[in-house]
């Protein structure tokens, strides 16, 4: 599959019409992904997600969920703590 849109850092749209949100901790893996990047969707056994996108060029893997589906509560809490910590220190 090819990426048709990756305008938002945490959202990727594939040429099959599906849209996926990328786990925030995996965003750095996608920074170099371009429309010509071949990816495949695979099923994984992970506490955060049941699917991952794997870049066929470099085997980079990111955990994903369909757009609109919420991350597990533990992930939401961890992200919230990070954002609050950044505001408190003036970073971010």
C-alpha atoms as a PDB file:
ATOM      1  CA  UNK A   1       0.000   0.000   0.000  1.00  0.00           C
ATOM      2  CA  UNK A   2       1.043   3.583  -0.543  1.00  0.00           C
ATOM      3  CA  UNK A   3       0.545   6.639   1.638  1.00  0.00           C
ATOM      4  CA  UNK A   4      -1.827   9.120  -0.010  1.00  0.00           C
ATOM      5  CA  UNK A   5      -1.798  11.739   2.754  1.00  0.00           C
ATOM      6  CA  UNK A   6       0.389  12.426   5.768  1.00  0.00           C
ATOM      7  CA  UNK A   7      -0.259  16.131   6.271  1.00  0.00           C
ATOM      8  CA  UNK A   8      -0.817  15.812  10.009  1.00  0.00           C
ATOM      9  CA  UNK A   9       2.066  14.195  11.846  1.00  0.00           C
ATOM     10  CA  UNK A  10      -0.197  11.779  13.717  1.00  0.00           C
ATOM     11  CA  UNK A  11      -2.581  10.816  10.873  1.00  0.00           C
ATOM     12  CA  UNK A  12      -1.754   8.774   7.783  1.00  0.00           C
ATOM     13  CA  UNK A  13      -4.136   7.915   4.935  1.00  0.00           C
ATOM     14  CA  UNK A  14      -3.486   4.914   2.715  1.00  0.00           C
ATOM     15  CA  UNK A  15      -4.383   4.317  -0.916  1.00  0.00           C
ATOM     16  CA  UNK A  16      -7.080   1.835   0.159  1.00  0.00           C
ATOM     17  CA  UNK A  17      -8.962   4.784   1.743  1.00  0.00           C
ATOM     18  CA  UNK A  18      -8.235   3.881   5.371  1.00  0.00           C
ATOM     19  CA  UNK A  19      -7.035   6.509   7.832  1.00  0.00           C
ATOM     20  CA  UNK A  20      -4.857   5.649  10.812  1.00  0.00           C
ATOM     21  CA  UNK A  21      -3.728   7.590  13.868  1.00  0.00           C
ATOM     22  CA  UNK A  22      -0.154   6.935  14.866  1.00  0.00           C
ATOM     23  CA  UNK A  23       0.787   6.264  18.469  1.00  0.00           C
ATOM     24  CA  UNK A  24       2.456   9.473  19.753  1.00  0.00           C
ATOM     25  CA  UNK A  25       5.551   7.610  20.953  1.00  0.00           C
ATOM     26  CA  UNK A  26       6.167   6.301  17.423  1.00  0.00           C
ATOM     27  CA  UNK A  27       5.862   9.572  15.483  1.00  0.00           C
ATOM     28  CA  UNK A  28       9.609   9.959  14.997  1.00  0.00           C
ATOM     29  CA  UNK A  29       9.628   6.817  12.839  1.00  0.00           C
ATOM     30  CA  UNK A  30       7.263   8.445  10.315  1.00  0.00           C
ATOM     31  CA  UNK A  31       9.107  11.735   9.859  1.00  0.00           C
ATOM     32  CA  UNK A  32      10.731  10.609   6.600  1.00  0.00           C
ATOM     33  CA  UNK A  33       7.686   8.757   5.185  1.00  0.00           C
ATOM     34  CA  UNK A  34       6.602  10.135   1.816  1.00  0.00           C
ATOM     35  CA  UNK A  35       3.721   9.266  -0.555  1.00  0.00           C
ATOM     36  CA  UNK A  36       5.926   6.817  -2.417  1.00  0.00           C
ATOM     37  CA  UNK A  37       6.705   4.926   0.794  1.00  0.00           C
ATOM     38  CA  UNK A  38       5.328   1.383   0.689  1.00  0.00           C
ATOM     39  CA  UNK A  39       3.746   0.270   3.946  1.00  0.00           C
ATOM     40  CA  UNK A  40       1.885  -2.790   5.049  1.00  0.00           C
ATOM     41  CA  UNK A  41      -0.684  -3.117   7.794  1.00  0.00           C
ATOM     42  CA  UNK A  42      -0.033  -6.024  10.136  1.00  0.00           C
ATOM     43  CA  UNK A  43      -1.757  -7.414  13.194  1.00  0.00           C
ATOM     44  CA  UNK A  44       0.323  -7.237  16.379  1.00  0.00           C
ATOM     45  CA  UNK A  45      -0.049  -8.305  19.997  1.00  0.00           C
ATOM     46  CA  UNK A  46       0.608  -5.101  21.940  1.00  0.00           C
ATOM     47  CA  UNK A  47      -0.990  -3.399  24.946  1.00  0.00           C
ATOM     48  CA  UNK A  48      -1.291  -0.156  22.994  1.00  0.00           C
ATOM     49  CA  UNK A  49      -2.579  -1.335  19.622  1.00  0.00           C
ATOM     50  CA  UNK A  50      -3.613  -4.398  17.674  1.00  0.00           C
ATOM     51  CA  UNK A  51      -2.262  -3.064  14.360  1.00  0.00           C
ATOM     52  CA  UNK A  52       0.972  -1.597  13.081  1.00  0.00           C
ATOM     53  CA  UNK A  53       2.148  -0.035   9.861  1.00  0.00           C
ATOM     54  CA  UNK A  54       5.527  -1.261   8.679  1.00  0.00           C
ATOM     55  CA  UNK A  55       7.566   0.690   6.142  1.00  0.00           C
ATOM     56  CA  UNK A  56       8.840  -1.840   3.625  1.00  0.00           C
ATOM     57  CA  UNK A  57      11.884   0.316   2.794  1.00  0.00           C
ATOM     58  CA  UNK A  58      13.403   0.483   6.259  1.00  0.00           C
ATOM     59  CA  UNK A  59      11.220  -1.875   8.350  1.00  0.00           C
ATOM     60  CA  UNK A  60      10.180   1.065  10.533  1.00  0.00           C
ATOM     61  CA  UNK A  61       7.126   0.067  12.578  1.00  0.00           C
ATOM     62  CA  UNK A  62       4.497   2.309  14.133  1.00  0.00           C
ATOM     63  CA  UNK A  63       1.533   1.290  16.228  1.00  0.00           C
ATOM     64  CA  UNK A  64      -1.751   2.591  14.838  1.00  0.00           C
ATOM     65  CA  UNK A  65      -5.477   2.715  15.499  1.00  0.00           C
ATOM     66  CA  UNK A  66      -8.245   3.679  13.088  1.00  0.00           C
ATOM     67  CA  UNK A  67      -8.935   7.415  13.125  1.00  0.00           C
ATOM     68  CA  UNK A  68     -11.616   8.169  15.698  1.00  0.00           C
ATOM     69  CA  UNK A  69     -10.766   5.228  17.937  1.00  0.00           C
ATOM     70  CA  UNK A  70      -9.399   6.209  21.362  1.00  0.00           C
ATOM     71  CA  UNK A  71      -6.069   5.090  22.759  1.00  0.00           C
ATOM     72  CA  UNK A  72      -6.161   3.000  25.941  1.00  0.00           C
ATOM     73  CA  UNK A  73      -6.648   5.035  29.125  1.00  0.00           C
ATOM     74  CA  UNK A  74      -3.082   4.342  30.280  1.00  0.00           C
ATOM     75  CA  UNK A  75      -1.752   5.990  27.095  1.00  0.00           C
ATOM     76  CA  UNK A  76      -4.039   8.997  27.498  1.00  0.00           C
ATOM     77  CA  UNK A  77      -2.883   9.478  31.085  1.00  0.00           C
ATOM     78  CA  UNK A  78       0.794   9.220  30.106  1.00  0.00           C
ATOM     79  CA  UNK A  79       0.381  11.737  27.282  1.00  0.00           C
ATOM     80  CA  UNK A  80      -1.512  14.115  29.592  1.00  0.00           C
ATOM     81  CA  UNK A  81       1.228  13.945  32.221  1.00  0.00           C
ATOM     82  CA  UNK A  82       3.871  14.717  29.607  1.00  0.00           C
ATOM     83  CA  UNK A  83       1.978  17.727  28.279  1.00  0.00           C
ATOM     84  CA  UNK A  84       1.364  19.095  31.789  1.00  0.00           C
ATOM     85  CA  UNK A  85       5.039  18.615  32.654  1.00  0.00           C
ATOM     86  CA  UNK A  86       6.096  20.523  29.540  1.00  0.00           C
ATOM     87  CA  UNK A  87       3.795  23.431  30.379  1.00  0.00           C
ATOM     88  CA  UNK A  88       5.115  23.585  33.925  1.00  0.00           C
ATOM     89  CA  UNK A  89       8.737  23.773  32.761  1.00  0.00           C
ATOM     90  CA  UNK A  90       7.966  26.125  29.871  1.00  0.00           C
ATOM     91  CA  UNK A  91       9.014  23.604  27.225  1.00  0.00           C
ATOM     92  CA  UNK A  92       6.843  22.387  24.336  1.00  0.00           C
END
